[in-house]
Amino acid sequence: MNQRDDEGIVLTEAQKKARRSRSIALALVLAALVVLFYVITLVKGPGVLVRPL
């Protein structure tokens, strides 16, 4: 094996920054969905748990 195989894929600084930006955006979207579901559950109230089987 040569040295290049041992290093694997090496990202440039621009690629690292883009990856970090995407990760932050995904985290924010996920957090927004969690908050949205929580608020919807609060708005619907306890009736959400009372339903026929």
C-alpha atoms as a PDB file:
ATOM      1  CA  MET A   1       0.000   0.000   0.000  1.00  0.00           C
ATOM      2  CA  ASN A   2       1.122   3.487  -0.628  1.00  0.00           C
ATOM      3  CA  GLN A   3       0.751   6.438   1.715  1.00  0.00           C
ATOM      4  CA  ARG A   4      -2.335   7.754  -0.099  1.00  0.00           C
ATOM      5  CA  ASP A   5      -4.315   4.585   0.702  1.00  0.00           C
ATOM      6  CA  ASP A   6      -3.506   4.901   4.401  1.00  0.00           C
ATOM      7  CA  GLU A   7      -4.817   8.467   4.626  1.00  0.00           C
ATOM      8  CA  GLY A   8      -8.233   7.783   3.106  1.00  0.00           C
ATOM      9  CA  ILE A   9     -10.232  10.709   1.804  1.00  0.00           C
ATOM     10  CA  VAL A  10      -8.883  14.079   2.898  1.00  0.00           C
ATOM     11  CA  LEU A  11     -11.363  16.946   2.744  1.00  0.00           C
ATOM     12  CA  THR A  12     -10.420  20.497   1.881  1.00  0.00           C
ATOM     13  CA  GLU A  13     -11.266  23.306   4.292  1.00  0.00           C
ATOM     14  CA  ALA A  14     -14.136  24.374   2.015  1.00  0.00           C
ATOM     15  CA  GLN A  15     -15.582  20.853   2.083  1.00  0.00           C
ATOM     16  CA  LYS A  16     -15.264  20.688   5.870  1.00  0.00           C
ATOM     17  CA  LYS A  17     -17.055  24.015   6.187  1.00  0.00           C
ATOM     18  CA  ALA A  18     -19.818  22.889   3.817  1.00  0.00           C
ATOM     19  CA  ARG A  19     -20.239  19.628   5.746  1.00  0.00           C
ATOM     20  CA  ARG A  20     -20.485  21.536   9.034  1.00  0.00           C
ATOM     21  CA  SER A  21     -23.045  23.935   7.566  1.00  0.00           C
ATOM     22  CA  ARG A  22     -25.182  21.029   6.337  1.00  0.00           C
ATOM     23  CA  SER A  23     -24.946  19.324   9.708  1.00  0.00           C
ATOM     24  CA  ILE A  24     -26.050  22.472  11.514  1.00  0.00           C
ATOM     25  CA  ALA A  25     -28.931  22.974   9.081  1.00  0.00           C
ATOM     26  CA  LEU A  26     -30.106  19.378   9.569  1.00  0.00           C
ATOM     27  CA  ALA A  27     -29.891  19.740  13.348  1.00  0.00           C
ATOM     28  CA  LEU A  28     -31.975  22.926  13.232  1.00  0.00           C
ATOM     29  CA  VAL A  29     -34.615  21.303  11.025  1.00  0.00           C
ATOM     30  CA  LEU A  30     -34.793  18.285  13.327  1.00  0.00           C
ATOM     31  CA  ALA A  31     -35.096  20.514  16.408  1.00  0.00           C
ATOM     32  CA  ALA A  32     -37.848  22.529  14.703  1.00  0.00           C
ATOM     33  CA  LEU A  33     -39.789  19.335  13.953  1.00  0.00           C
ATOM     34  CA  VAL A  34     -39.478  18.175  17.563  1.00  0.00           C
ATOM     35  CA  VAL A  35     -40.757  21.545  18.805  1.00  0.00           C
ATOM     36  CA  LEU A  36     -43.578  21.496  16.243  1.00  0.00           C
ATOM     37  CA  PHE A  37     -44.743  18.020  17.293  1.00  0.00           C
ATOM     38  CA  TYR A  38     -44.529  19.016  20.967  1.00  0.00           C
ATOM     39  CA  VAL A  39     -46.600  22.176  20.397  1.00  0.00           C
ATOM     40  CA  ILE A  40     -49.203  20.273  18.364  1.00  0.00           C
ATOM     41  CA  THR A  41     -49.485  17.710  21.167  1.00  0.00           C
ATOM     42  CA  LEU A  42     -49.982  20.493  23.734  1.00  0.00           C
ATOM     43  CA  VAL A  43     -52.599  22.215  21.577  1.00  0.00           C
ATOM     44  CA  LYS A  44     -54.585  19.008  21.096  1.00  0.00           C
ATOM     45  CA  GLY A  45     -54.478  18.417  24.832  1.00  0.00           C
ATOM     46  CA  PRO A  46     -55.121  15.189  26.728  1.00  0.00           C
ATOM     47  CA  GLY A  47     -57.769  14.139  24.195  1.00  0.00           C
ATOM     48  CA  VAL A  48     -54.936  12.843  22.044  1.00  0.00           C
ATOM     49  CA  LEU A  49     -54.576   9.872  24.413  1.00  0.00           C
ATOM     50  CA  VAL A  50     -58.322   9.048  24.495  1.00  0.00           C
ATOM     51  CA  ARG A  51     -59.259   7.201  21.336  1.00  0.00           C
ATOM     52  CA  PRO A  52     -61.031   3.943  20.564  1.00  0.00           C
ATOM     53  CA  LEU A  53     -58.920   0.913  19.799  1.00  0.00           C
END
